[in-house]
Amino acid sequence: MDDEIRKSPVQEDPGSMNNAVDRSLDQTSLSDADKDRAKALVQRVGHRVELTPENNKRIFRKINIRILPVILFIYFLQALDKATLAYASVFGLIEDTHLVGLQYSWLGSVVYAAQLVAQPVVAYSLVKFPLGKFLAGTVFAWGATLTCMAAAHNFGGLLTARLFLGLFEAGVAPAFIAVTQMWWRRREQPVILASWYAMNGVTNMLGSLITYGLGHIDSSLKEYQIIFLFFGLITTNILNEEEKLIAIERLRANQMGIENYTWKWEHVREAAVDLKTWLWCAMLFSISVPSGGVSTFGPLIVQSFGYNRFETILFNIPFGAVQLVATLLSAYVATKIRRKAPVLVFLSVIPSVGCLMLLFLPRGAGHKGPLLAAYYIISVYPAITPLIYSWQAGNTAGETKKKTTTAALIIAQSAGNILGPNLYTPAEKPLYRRGLISNLVLFLVLIVLYAAQWFYLLWRNRKQASKRNAMGKNADIVDTSMAKIKSELPDAEKHESVQEIERDKSLDDRTDFENEDFVYTY
């Protein structure tokens, strides 16, 4: 670890907006309840371990084998369950349940309305309760709810089922963001977040194929009832102490802490006055409006090109393939260049072109190919959301602040997903002009928001440097969390005393404003 990151007693910075918080934290030792659980483990052992490229790689591989597959499978099930509404719409759901006006649109929106309302409870629960038990309960509950959707025969029954589906799914994305912050370095987070979010693309591929087969079943049940039953029933059906110390060393450079079970209202207040929280909220709202519309109406848009229901389902497979590749590739590029904003700009320009094509291309049998191409170009947009997730996850510290900020983002995302489907209606087919125009405008708004966030984070880093300088520390420090593990700890740092460990803030439950050594990434 670099000498610049060593800690010294904090002096007051008159220009800081957090002077009172800084004084209270630095003049007294943290109570046992306030300590990060990782720091408590290091203090109990009494020394740090040596982090080398070899043991870093070994622990990274073990974490990926033990934790990542569970995350991928759960998120795949969640994405599959939500997609069943779009699949069912192609197989007569709207006609058989006599949906009129915006009723089908509200079946898409109500899931996110429930998620929006549930976020404060989710944020508190993620701080106070073990993640594993929290996820186990919600997974079972949403699978049971989806199975019950097969019994719904009208708008009221479907709306109720979708409401509970959203309620039980509300904690999945926030929990997975928390798990990613807890187990992976900032350099690794974009690819990890993209991996589980890319399950949306896998869903569009495998889900479409499964739905195609289910749609051919000759049964007294309606095709959409079989779809709900099948996917609903599917859903219902690590380290030793030395390795934990290595895992802690991997995350020390993040300067974010790891886990704490104490809810801190001062973190909530800081998240509320932090401009970057609101910029990320605006981004997620802006991308979720087109996401909610296209995810709910995507198959109907393809069907409007002149395809039958089985062709429509099959032509949804490339949409998922493009989504999968775009999500993983963009995360890889962002990791390589250590910048997210330029990649996000590119990802917003591409679907803008697709929207323009769908708005101006003529409809008819002779234009099916170009129309499908435009639809697939739009399918790049899902890669935007996980990059925003990782941008936020890597730039927010403090356990309660992390959970509060994530909750705010999911609320904004849910609001966008509520609005999105209502900008499309079955009555507007085949052009869906209102929805496509709103999507185009929001893709352009996103580019402005990326630029604003970039400049704000640059300003925050300059403010952090000034704070370090005022405290007699080096203004410029090396952000090792974004670099590869290349060398061992200096000999003096391999076996620090308990007092030296206590002075190290990297594992304290401090926010990014409170920790002057925190470096923001763009």
Protein backbone atom coordinates (compact mmCIF):
# COMPACT_ATOMS: atom_id res chain seq x y z
CA MET A 1 0.00 0.00 0.00
CA ASP A 2 1.30 3.45 -0.91
CA ASP A 3 2.83 5.68 1.75
CA GLU A 4 0.51 8.49 0.75
CA ILE A 5 -2.49 6.56 2.04
CA ARG A 6 -1.14 6.20 5.59
CA LYS A 7 -3.35 7.98 8.06
CA SER A 8 -2.59 10.80 10.47
CA PRO A 9 -4.81 12.41 13.14
CA VAL A 10 -7.41 14.57 11.45
CA GLN A 11 -7.29 18.34 11.76
CA GLU A 12 -10.30 20.53 11.18
CA ASP A 13 -10.93 21.64 7.60
CA PRO A 14 -12.91 24.90 7.80
CA GLY A 15 -14.08 24.49 4.20
CA SER A 16 -15.63 21.06 4.73
CA MET A 17 -19.41 20.64 4.87
CA ASN A 18 -18.87 17.75 7.29
CA ASN A 19 -16.72 19.36 10.01
CA ALA A 20 -19.00 18.32 12.87
CA VAL A 21 -19.13 14.75 11.68
CA ASP A 22 -15.36 14.65 11.14
CA ARG A 23 -14.61 15.99 14.64
CA SER A 24 -16.92 13.56 16.39
CA LEU A 25 -15.45 10.58 14.54
CA ASP A 26 -11.79 11.52 14.88
CA GLN A 27 -11.65 12.66 18.50
CA THR A 28 -13.14 9.45 19.84
CA SER A 29 -12.75 5.79 19.06
CA LEU A 30 -15.56 4.13 17.21
CA SER A 31 -17.90 2.09 19.38
CA ASP A 32 -18.15 -1.65 18.77
CA ALA A 33 -21.54 -1.15 17.11
CA ASP A 34 -20.15 1.50 14.76
CA LYS A 35 -17.09 -0.45 13.67
CA ASP A 36 -17.03 -2.17 10.32
CA ARG A 37 -17.19 -5.94 10.86
CA ALA A 38 -14.08 -6.40 8.69
CA LYS A 39 -12.09 -3.99 10.83
CA ALA A 40 -13.22 -5.80 13.97
CA LEU A 41 -11.81 -9.04 12.54
CA VAL A 42 -8.46 -7.41 11.70
CA GLN A 43 -8.26 -5.93 15.20
CA ARG A 44 -9.02 -9.29 16.79
CA VAL A 45 -6.24 -10.97 14.80
CA GLY A 46 -3.95 -8.02 15.54
CA HIS A 47 -2.16 -7.75 12.19
CA ARG A 48 -2.68 -7.46 8.46
CA VAL A 49 -1.74 -10.09 5.90
CA GLU A 50 0.40 -9.79 2.83
CA LEU A 51 -1.58 -9.20 -0.37
CA THR A 52 0.21 -10.61 -3.41
CA PRO A 53 -0.89 -11.14 -7.03
CA GLU A 54 -1.03 -14.87 -6.29
CA ASN A 55 -3.26 -14.88 -3.22
CA ASN A 56 -5.36 -12.07 -4.66
CA LYS A 57 -6.05 -14.20 -7.73
CA ARG A 58 -6.82 -17.25 -5.60
CA ILE A 59 -9.37 -15.42 -3.41
CA PHE A 60 -10.88 -13.63 -6.41
CA ARG A 61 -11.43 -16.98 -8.12
CA LYS A 62 -12.93 -18.52 -4.98
CA ILE A 63 -15.35 -15.62 -4.51
CA ASN A 64 -16.40 -15.89 -8.15
CA ILE A 65 -17.03 -19.63 -7.86
CA ARG A 66 -18.92 -19.47 -4.55
CA ILE A 67 -20.94 -16.26 -4.87
CA LEU A 68 -21.29 -15.17 -8.50
CA PRO A 69 -23.24 -18.23 -9.80
CA VAL A 70 -25.90 -17.75 -7.11
CA ILE A 71 -26.29 -14.08 -8.06
CA LEU A 72 -26.50 -14.90 -11.77
CA PHE A 73 -29.14 -17.59 -11.30
CA ILE A 74 -31.36 -15.52 -9.01
CA TYR A 75 -31.25 -12.49 -11.30
CA PHE A 76 -31.97 -14.70 -14.32
CA LEU A 77 -35.10 -15.97 -12.56
CA GLN A 78 -36.19 -12.44 -11.67
CA ALA A 79 -35.72 -11.19 -15.24
CA LEU A 80 -37.51 -14.28 -16.59
CA ASP A 81 -40.47 -13.78 -14.27
CA LYS A 82 -40.91 -10.13 -15.24
CA ALA A 83 -40.61 -10.93 -18.96
CA THR A 84 -43.52 -13.38 -18.86
CA LEU A 85 -46.01 -10.52 -19.22
CA ALA A 86 -44.50 -9.49 -22.56
CA TYR A 87 -44.42 -13.11 -23.77
CA ALA A 88 -48.01 -13.71 -22.66
CA SER A 89 -49.21 -10.59 -24.52
CA VAL A 90 -48.27 -12.20 -27.83
CA PHE A 91 -50.33 -15.30 -26.97
CA GLY A 92 -53.68 -13.61 -26.39
CA LEU A 93 -53.42 -12.27 -22.84
CA ILE A 94 -54.83 -8.86 -23.80
CA GLU A 95 -57.80 -10.28 -25.71
CA ASP A 96 -58.69 -13.15 -23.36
CA THR A 97 -58.62 -11.04 -20.19
CA HIS A 98 -60.43 -8.17 -21.94
CA LEU A 99 -57.78 -5.53 -21.26
CA VAL A 100 -58.62 -2.08 -22.62
CA GLY A 101 -56.98 1.33 -22.78
CA LEU A 102 -53.91 1.60 -20.54
CA GLN A 103 -54.71 -1.52 -18.53
CA TYR A 104 -51.98 -3.64 -20.17
CA SER A 105 -49.52 -0.75 -19.73
CA TRP A 106 -50.36 -0.62 -16.01
CA LEU A 107 -49.64 -4.31 -15.65
CA GLY A 108 -46.09 -3.41 -16.64
CA SER A 109 -45.96 -0.31 -14.44
CA VAL A 110 -47.44 -1.68 -11.21
CA VAL A 111 -44.42 -3.93 -10.59
CA TYR A 112 -42.23 -0.85 -10.37
CA ALA A 113 -44.77 1.10 -8.33
CA ALA A 114 -44.50 -1.63 -5.69
CA GLN A 115 -40.70 -1.57 -5.89
CA LEU A 116 -40.69 2.21 -5.49
CA VAL A 117 -42.79 2.11 -2.32
CA ALA A 118 -40.76 -0.77 -0.83
CA GLN A 119 -37.29 0.82 -1.18
CA PRO A 120 -37.05 2.58 2.22
CA VAL A 121 -37.86 -0.73 3.96
CA VAL A 122 -35.41 -2.57 1.68
CA ALA A 123 -32.59 -0.12 2.43
CA TYR A 124 -33.09 -0.46 6.19
CA SER A 125 -33.36 -4.25 5.97
CA LEU A 126 -30.12 -4.54 3.98
CA VAL A 127 -28.24 -2.76 6.76
CA LYS A 128 -29.88 -4.59 9.66
CA PHE A 129 -30.33 -8.19 8.42
CA PRO A 130 -28.13 -10.89 6.79
CA LEU A 131 -28.33 -10.76 2.99
CA GLY A 132 -28.70 -14.51 2.48
CA LYS A 133 -31.86 -14.90 4.54
CA PHE A 134 -33.35 -11.74 3.03
CA LEU A 135 -32.88 -13.03 -0.52
CA ALA A 136 -34.07 -16.58 0.22
CA GLY A 137 -37.42 -15.34 1.48
CA THR A 138 -38.04 -12.94 -1.40
CA VAL A 139 -37.13 -15.49 -4.09
CA PHE A 140 -39.62 -18.04 -2.78
CA ALA A 141 -42.36 -15.42 -2.39
CA TRP A 142 -42.10 -14.06 -5.92
CA GLY A 143 -42.05 -17.55 -7.45
CA ALA A 144 -45.27 -18.42 -5.62
CA THR A 145 -46.84 -15.15 -6.77
CA LEU A 146 -45.98 -15.75 -10.41
CA THR A 147 -47.48 -19.23 -10.25
CA CYS A 148 -50.73 -17.74 -8.94
CA MET A 149 -50.91 -15.43 -11.96
CA ALA A 150 -52.15 -18.36 -14.03
CA ALA A 151 -55.43 -18.18 -12.07
CA ALA A 152 -56.01 -14.51 -12.93
CA HIS A 153 -58.67 -14.01 -15.60
CA ASN A 154 -59.23 -10.26 -15.53
CA PHE A 155 -57.45 -6.95 -15.02
CA GLY A 156 -58.01 -6.88 -11.25
CA GLY A 157 -56.52 -10.32 -10.67
CA LEU A 158 -53.53 -9.68 -12.92
CA LEU A 159 -52.90 -6.27 -11.34
CA THR A 160 -52.92 -7.74 -7.83
CA ALA A 161 -50.52 -10.51 -8.79
CA ARG A 162 -48.16 -8.09 -10.53
CA LEU A 163 -48.27 -5.78 -7.50
CA PHE A 164 -47.07 -8.53 -5.17
CA LEU A 165 -44.53 -9.68 -7.76
CA GLY A 166 -42.96 -6.22 -7.69
CA LEU A 167 -43.08 -6.08 -3.91
CA PHE A 168 -41.18 -9.34 -3.50
CA GLU A 169 -38.64 -8.47 -6.21
CA ALA A 170 -37.95 -5.01 -4.77
CA GLY A 171 -34.85 -6.04 -2.82
CA VAL A 172 -33.03 -8.08 -5.45
CA ALA A 173 -31.11 -5.37 -7.34
CA PRO A 174 -30.23 -3.37 -4.17
CA ALA A 175 -29.06 -6.58 -2.47
CA PHE A 176 -26.87 -7.52 -5.43
CA ILE A 177 -25.32 -4.06 -5.58
CA ALA A 178 -24.55 -4.42 -1.86
CA VAL A 179 -23.01 -7.87 -2.40
CA THR A 180 -20.86 -6.48 -5.24
CA GLN A 181 -19.60 -3.64 -3.03
CA MET A 182 -18.89 -6.13 -0.23
CA TRP A 183 -16.88 -8.72 -2.17
CA TRP A 184 -15.23 -7.09 -5.21
CA ARG A 185 -12.69 -4.30 -5.73
CA ARG A 186 -13.76 -1.13 -7.54
CA ARG A 187 -11.78 -2.22 -10.59
CA GLU A 188 -13.77 -5.48 -10.74
CA GLN A 189 -17.22 -4.09 -10.01
CA PRO A 190 -18.26 -2.97 -13.53
CA VAL A 191 -17.80 -6.47 -14.99
CA ILE A 192 -19.41 -8.20 -12.00
CA LEU A 193 -22.44 -5.89 -12.06
CA ALA A 194 -22.70 -6.29 -15.82
CA SER A 195 -22.53 -10.08 -15.48
CA TRP A 196 -25.64 -10.40 -13.36
CA TYR A 197 -27.50 -7.62 -15.16
CA ALA A 198 -26.71 -9.34 -18.47
CA MET A 199 -29.05 -12.12 -17.37
CA ASN A 200 -31.74 -9.89 -18.92
CA GLY A 201 -30.20 -10.72 -22.29
CA VAL A 202 -30.03 -14.43 -21.46
CA THR A 203 -33.70 -14.21 -20.46
CA ASN A 204 -34.66 -12.74 -23.83
CA MET A 205 -32.84 -15.60 -25.55
CA LEU A 206 -33.76 -18.64 -23.46
CA GLY A 207 -37.12 -17.26 -22.37
CA SER A 208 -38.14 -16.71 -25.98
CA LEU A 209 -37.16 -20.25 -26.94
CA ILE A 210 -39.00 -21.77 -23.97
CA THR A 211 -42.07 -19.64 -24.67
CA TYR A 212 -42.01 -20.73 -28.31
CA GLY A 213 -42.21 -24.36 -27.17
CA LEU A 214 -44.84 -23.71 -24.52
CA GLY A 215 -46.99 -21.91 -27.07
CA HIS A 216 -47.29 -25.14 -29.10
CA ILE A 217 -48.70 -27.19 -26.20
CA ASP A 218 -52.21 -28.45 -26.92
CA SER A 219 -54.05 -28.00 -23.63
CA SER A 220 -57.30 -26.79 -22.12
CA LEU A 221 -55.23 -24.04 -20.52
CA LYS A 222 -54.51 -20.86 -22.43
CA GLU A 223 -50.96 -20.46 -23.73
CA TYR A 224 -50.28 -17.51 -21.42
CA GLN A 225 -51.52 -19.53 -18.39
CA ILE A 226 -49.01 -22.28 -19.19
CA ILE A 227 -46.27 -19.63 -19.45
CA PHE A 228 -47.10 -18.21 -15.99
CA LEU A 229 -47.26 -21.69 -14.42
CA PHE A 230 -44.01 -22.91 -15.97
CA PHE A 231 -41.83 -19.94 -15.03
CA GLY A 232 -43.45 -19.58 -11.62
CA LEU A 233 -42.83 -23.21 -10.64
CA ILE A 234 -39.20 -23.03 -11.83
CA THR A 235 -38.55 -20.12 -9.47
CA THR A 236 -39.90 -21.93 -6.37
CA ASN A 237 -38.11 -25.08 -7.10
CA ILE A 238 -16.91 -19.68 1.94
CA LEU A 239 -13.88 -18.49 3.34
CA ASN A 240 -11.66 -19.44 6.35
CA GLU A 241 -10.20 -16.77 8.63
CA GLU A 242 -6.94 -16.34 6.72
CA GLU A 243 -8.82 -16.07 3.44
CA LYS A 244 -11.15 -13.49 5.01
CA LEU A 245 -8.12 -11.37 5.88
CA ILE A 246 -6.93 -11.57 2.27
CA ALA A 247 -10.42 -10.63 1.06
CA ILE A 248 -10.32 -7.63 3.41
CA GLU A 249 -6.93 -6.57 2.03
CA ARG A 250 -8.36 -6.78 -1.51
CA LEU A 251 -11.07 -4.27 -0.54
CA ARG A 252 -9.01 -1.98 1.70
CA ALA A 253 -8.06 0.27 -1.22
CA ASN A 254 -11.74 0.89 -1.99
CA GLN A 255 -11.83 3.18 1.09
CA MET A 256 -15.52 2.25 1.48
CA GLY A 257 -15.74 -0.11 4.47
CA ILE A 258 -17.25 -3.57 3.98
CA GLU A 259 -20.16 -4.38 6.32
CA ASN A 260 -21.85 -2.74 9.28
CA TYR A 261 -25.19 -3.45 10.98
CA THR A 262 -25.73 0.05 12.45
CA TRP A 263 -28.20 2.38 10.73
CA LYS A 264 -26.82 5.96 10.75
CA TRP A 265 -29.15 8.86 10.05
CA GLU A 266 -26.21 11.20 9.38
CA HIS A 267 -25.38 9.02 6.37
CA VAL A 268 -28.95 9.39 5.15
CA ARG A 269 -28.71 13.18 5.42
CA GLU A 270 -25.40 13.21 3.56
CA ALA A 271 -26.83 11.11 0.74
CA ALA A 272 -29.72 13.57 0.48
CA VAL A 273 -27.46 16.63 0.05
CA ASP A 274 -24.95 14.90 -2.24
CA LEU A 275 -25.42 16.19 -5.82
CA LYS A 276 -24.08 12.99 -7.36
CA THR A 277 -26.94 11.03 -5.75
CA TRP A 278 -29.46 13.13 -7.65
CA LEU A 279 -27.54 13.03 -10.91
CA TRP A 280 -27.45 9.23 -10.80
CA CYS A 281 -31.16 9.22 -9.93
CA ALA A 282 -31.86 11.40 -12.97
CA MET A 283 -29.81 9.03 -15.13
CA LEU A 284 -31.65 5.93 -13.96
CA PHE A 285 -35.03 7.60 -14.39
CA SER A 286 -34.08 8.68 -17.91
CA ILE A 287 -32.93 5.23 -19.02
CA SER A 288 -35.78 3.42 -17.25
CA VAL A 289 -38.50 5.21 -19.19
CA PRO A 290 -37.42 3.62 -22.49
CA SER A 291 -36.49 0.41 -20.67
CA GLY A 292 -39.95 0.05 -19.15
CA GLY A 293 -41.65 0.79 -22.45
CA VAL A 294 -39.56 -1.47 -24.66
CA SER A 295 -39.47 -4.37 -22.19
CA THR A 296 -43.27 -4.34 -21.93
CA PHE A 297 -44.07 -3.58 -25.56
CA GLY A 298 -41.00 -5.04 -27.32
CA PRO A 299 -42.70 -8.20 -28.62
CA LEU A 300 -45.74 -6.16 -29.68
CA ILE A 301 -43.47 -3.75 -31.56
CA VAL A 302 -41.89 -6.66 -33.44
CA GLN A 303 -45.33 -8.14 -34.10
CA SER A 304 -46.38 -4.80 -35.61
CA PHE A 305 -43.73 -5.25 -38.32
CA GLY A 306 -45.97 -7.96 -39.78
CA TYR A 307 -44.85 -11.18 -38.04
CA ASN A 308 -47.08 -13.85 -36.52
CA ARG A 309 -46.86 -14.67 -32.83
CA PHE A 310 -44.34 -17.50 -33.17
CA GLU A 311 -42.07 -15.47 -35.47
CA THR A 312 -42.32 -12.58 -33.03
CA ILE A 313 -41.06 -14.69 -30.14
CA LEU A 314 -38.17 -16.10 -32.18
CA PHE A 315 -37.13 -12.67 -33.45
CA ASN A 316 -36.85 -11.56 -29.83
CA ILE A 317 -33.85 -13.88 -29.40
CA PRO A 318 -31.34 -11.63 -31.24
CA PHE A 319 -32.55 -8.74 -29.07
CA GLY A 320 -31.31 -10.68 -26.05
CA ALA A 321 -28.04 -11.60 -27.78
CA VAL A 322 -27.26 -7.97 -28.61
CA GLN A 323 -28.17 -6.97 -25.07
CA LEU A 324 -25.90 -9.64 -23.58
CA VAL A 325 -22.89 -8.72 -25.74
CA ALA A 326 -23.36 -4.97 -25.29
CA THR A 327 -23.66 -5.26 -21.51
CA LEU A 328 -20.54 -7.38 -21.02
CA LEU A 329 -18.43 -5.66 -23.67
CA SER A 330 -19.19 -2.14 -22.41
CA ALA A 331 -18.28 -3.18 -18.84
CA TYR A 332 -15.00 -4.66 -20.10
CA VAL A 333 -14.13 -1.49 -22.03
CA ALA A 334 -15.01 0.72 -19.04
CA THR A 335 -12.70 -1.40 -16.88
CA LYS A 336 -9.84 -1.24 -19.37
CA ILE A 337 -9.96 2.54 -19.85
CA ARG A 338 -10.95 3.15 -16.18
CA ARG A 339 -13.67 5.53 -17.32
CA LYS A 340 -17.43 4.99 -17.41
CA ALA A 341 -18.75 8.30 -18.73
CA PRO A 342 -17.32 7.99 -22.30
CA VAL A 343 -18.68 4.44 -22.61
CA LEU A 344 -22.09 5.59 -21.39
CA VAL A 345 -22.17 8.37 -23.98
CA PHE A 346 -21.51 5.84 -26.74
CA LEU A 347 -24.20 3.51 -25.40
CA SER A 348 -26.74 6.36 -25.47
CA VAL A 349 -25.96 7.45 -29.02
CA ILE A 350 -26.52 4.00 -30.54
CA PRO A 351 -30.17 3.48 -29.42
CA SER A 352 -30.91 7.08 -30.42
CA VAL A 353 -30.14 6.03 -33.99
CA GLY A 354 -32.46 3.04 -33.63
CA CYS A 355 -35.31 5.27 -32.39
CA LEU A 356 -34.85 7.58 -35.38
CA MET A 357 -34.98 4.62 -37.76
CA LEU A 358 -38.23 3.29 -36.26
CA LEU A 359 -39.76 6.78 -36.39
CA PHE A 360 -38.98 7.38 -40.06
CA LEU A 361 -38.82 3.96 -41.72
CA PRO A 362 -42.04 3.07 -43.59
CA ARG A 363 -44.04 0.06 -42.45
CA GLY A 364 -44.89 -2.81 -44.75
CA ALA A 365 -43.83 -6.28 -45.83
CA GLY A 366 -40.87 -4.92 -47.81
CA HIS A 367 -39.35 -3.17 -44.81
CA LYS A 368 -39.30 -5.92 -42.20
CA GLY A 369 -35.51 -6.31 -42.34
CA PRO A 370 -34.61 -2.63 -41.71
CA LEU A 371 -37.27 -2.37 -39.01
CA LEU A 372 -35.87 -5.40 -37.21
CA ALA A 373 -32.36 -3.96 -37.53
CA ALA A 374 -33.56 -0.72 -35.91
CA TYR A 375 -35.14 -2.69 -33.06
CA TYR A 376 -31.91 -4.59 -32.48
CA ILE A 377 -29.91 -1.34 -32.50
CA ILE A 378 -32.14 -0.03 -29.72
CA SER A 379 -31.42 -3.21 -27.74
CA VAL A 380 -27.98 -1.81 -26.82
CA TYR A 381 -29.64 0.41 -24.17
CA PRO A 382 -29.77 -2.22 -21.34
CA ALA A 383 -25.97 -1.96 -21.05
CA ILE A 384 -26.42 1.56 -19.63
CA THR A 385 -28.08 0.59 -16.34
CA PRO A 386 -25.36 -1.69 -14.89
CA LEU A 387 -22.68 0.90 -15.70
CA ILE A 388 -24.65 3.51 -13.77
CA TYR A 389 -25.01 0.98 -10.93
CA SER A 390 -21.24 0.42 -10.83
CA TRP A 391 -20.48 4.14 -11.21
CA GLN A 392 -22.57 4.80 -8.11
CA ALA A 393 -21.35 1.71 -6.23
CA GLY A 394 -17.71 2.71 -6.67
CA ASN A 395 -18.22 6.32 -5.59
CA THR A 396 -20.31 5.99 -2.42
CA ALA A 397 -18.87 5.01 0.98
CA GLY A 398 -20.40 4.40 4.38
CA GLU A 399 -22.76 1.44 4.95
CA THR A 400 -25.96 3.40 5.49
CA LYS A 401 -25.11 5.95 2.81
CA LYS A 402 -24.47 3.16 0.31
CA LYS A 403 -27.83 1.53 1.01
CA THR A 404 -29.68 4.86 1.05
CA THR A 405 -28.15 5.98 -2.23
CA THR A 406 -28.95 2.65 -3.86
CA ALA A 407 -32.55 2.91 -2.61
CA ALA A 408 -32.84 6.40 -4.10
CA LEU A 409 -31.58 5.09 -7.44
CA ILE A 410 -34.01 2.18 -7.44
CA ILE A 411 -36.87 4.58 -6.61
CA ALA A 412 -35.90 6.73 -9.61
CA GLN A 413 -35.55 3.62 -11.76
CA SER A 414 -38.96 2.38 -10.65
CA ALA A 415 -40.54 5.76 -11.43
CA GLY A 416 -39.11 5.60 -14.94
CA ASN A 417 -40.38 2.06 -15.41
CA ILE A 418 -43.84 3.15 -14.25
CA LEU A 419 -43.96 5.97 -16.79
CA GLY A 420 -42.35 4.06 -19.67
CA PRO A 421 -45.10 1.54 -20.47
CA ASN A 422 -47.73 4.29 -20.29
CA LEU A 423 -46.06 6.17 -23.13
CA TYR A 424 -46.92 3.17 -25.31
CA THR A 425 -50.45 1.87 -25.81
CA PRO A 426 -51.76 -0.99 -27.99
CA ALA A 427 -54.01 1.56 -29.70
CA GLU A 428 -50.96 3.36 -31.15
CA LYS A 429 -49.62 0.37 -33.04
CA PRO A 430 -47.87 -0.02 -35.41
CA LEU A 431 -45.97 3.29 -35.09
CA TYR A 432 -45.88 3.90 -31.31
CA ARG A 433 -44.67 7.42 -32.06
CA ARG A 434 -45.21 8.93 -28.61
CA GLY A 435 -43.12 6.27 -26.93
CA LEU A 436 -40.31 6.36 -29.49
CA ILE A 437 -40.05 10.17 -29.48
CA SER A 438 -39.89 10.28 -25.66
CA ASN A 439 -37.21 7.58 -25.69
CA LEU A 440 -35.12 9.52 -28.21
CA VAL A 441 -35.29 12.70 -26.13
CA LEU A 442 -34.26 10.87 -22.95
CA PHE A 443 -31.25 9.20 -24.60
CA LEU A 444 -30.02 12.70 -25.46
CA VAL A 445 -30.77 13.98 -21.93
CA LEU A 446 -28.61 11.15 -20.57
CA ILE A 447 -25.56 12.47 -22.41
CA VAL A 448 -25.96 15.83 -20.68
CA LEU A 449 -26.27 14.12 -17.30
CA TYR A 450 -23.09 12.08 -17.85
CA ALA A 451 -21.16 15.28 -18.56
CA ALA A 452 -22.54 16.99 -15.46
CA GLN A 453 -21.59 14.04 -13.25
CA TRP A 454 -18.11 13.86 -14.73
CA PHE A 455 -17.40 17.52 -13.90
CA TYR A 456 -18.91 17.20 -10.43
CA LEU A 457 -16.68 14.23 -9.58
CA LEU A 458 -13.64 16.10 -10.87
CA TRP A 459 -14.56 18.96 -8.55
CA ARG A 460 -15.06 16.55 -5.62
CA ASN A 461 -11.57 15.09 -6.17
CA ARG A 462 -10.04 18.57 -6.16
CA LYS A 463 -11.91 19.29 -2.91
CA GLN A 464 -10.59 16.05 -1.40
CA ALA A 465 -7.03 16.99 -2.43
CA SER A 466 -7.39 20.41 -0.82
CA LYS A 467 -8.64 18.78 2.38
CA ARG A 468 -5.64 16.43 2.50
CA ASN A 469 -3.29 19.34 1.88
CA ALA A 470 -4.84 21.35 4.72
CA MET A 471 -4.31 18.36 7.03
CA GLY A 472 -0.60 18.20 6.19
CA LYS A 473 -0.95 15.11 4.00
CA ASN A 474 0.00 14.62 0.37
CA ALA A 475 -2.67 16.17 -1.86
CA ASP A 476 -2.09 13.58 -4.58
CA ILE A 477 -2.62 9.92 -3.69
CA VAL A 478 -2.64 6.77 -5.77
CA ASP A 479 -6.05 5.11 -6.20
CA THR A 480 -4.91 1.51 -5.93
CA SER A 481 -8.48 0.20 -6.06
CA MET A 482 -8.55 0.76 -9.83
CA ALA A 483 -5.15 -0.86 -10.47
CA LYS A 484 -4.01 -4.46 -10.74
CA ILE A 485 -2.33 -6.07 -7.73
CA LYS A 486 1.31 -5.86 -8.78
CA SER A 487 3.42 -5.85 -5.64
CA GLU A 488 3.43 -6.93 -2.03
CA LEU A 489 2.78 -4.69 0.95
CA PRO A 490 5.91 -2.95 2.26
CA ASP A 491 7.47 -4.91 5.12
CA ALA A 492 6.44 -2.25 7.63
CA GLU A 493 2.76 -2.76 6.74
CA LYS A 494 2.63 -6.56 6.89
CA HIS A 495 2.27 -6.69 10.68
CA GLU A 496 0.84 -3.40 11.91
CA SER A 497 0.06 -2.90 15.56
CA VAL A 498 -3.52 -2.69 16.78
CA GLN A 499 -3.04 1.08 17.25
CA GLU A 500 -1.92 1.48 13.63
CA ILE A 501 -4.86 -0.56 12.42
CA GLU A 502 -7.19 1.63 14.50
CA ARG A 503 -5.90 4.78 12.77
CA ASP A 504 -6.55 3.34 9.31
CA LYS A 505 -9.86 4.73 7.99
CA SER A 506 -10.16 2.44 4.96
CA LEU A 507 -12.27 -0.04 6.95
CA ASP A 508 -14.11 2.51 9.07
CA ASP A 509 -17.78 3.01 8.34
CA ARG A 510 -17.11 6.50 6.97
CA THR A 511 -18.75 8.16 4.00
CA ASP A 512 -16.84 9.39 0.99
CA PHE A 513 -17.26 12.98 2.29
CA GLU A 514 -15.87 12.05 5.71
CA ASN A 515 -12.82 10.13 4.45
CA GLU A 516 -10.32 12.54 2.91
CA ASP A 517 -8.45 9.61 1.31
CA PHE A 518 -11.44 8.60 -0.83
CA VAL A 519 -10.81 9.07 -4.57
CA TYR A 520 -13.77 9.42 -6.94
CA THR A 521 -13.76 7.62 -10.29
CA TYR A 522 -15.28 8.88 -13.51
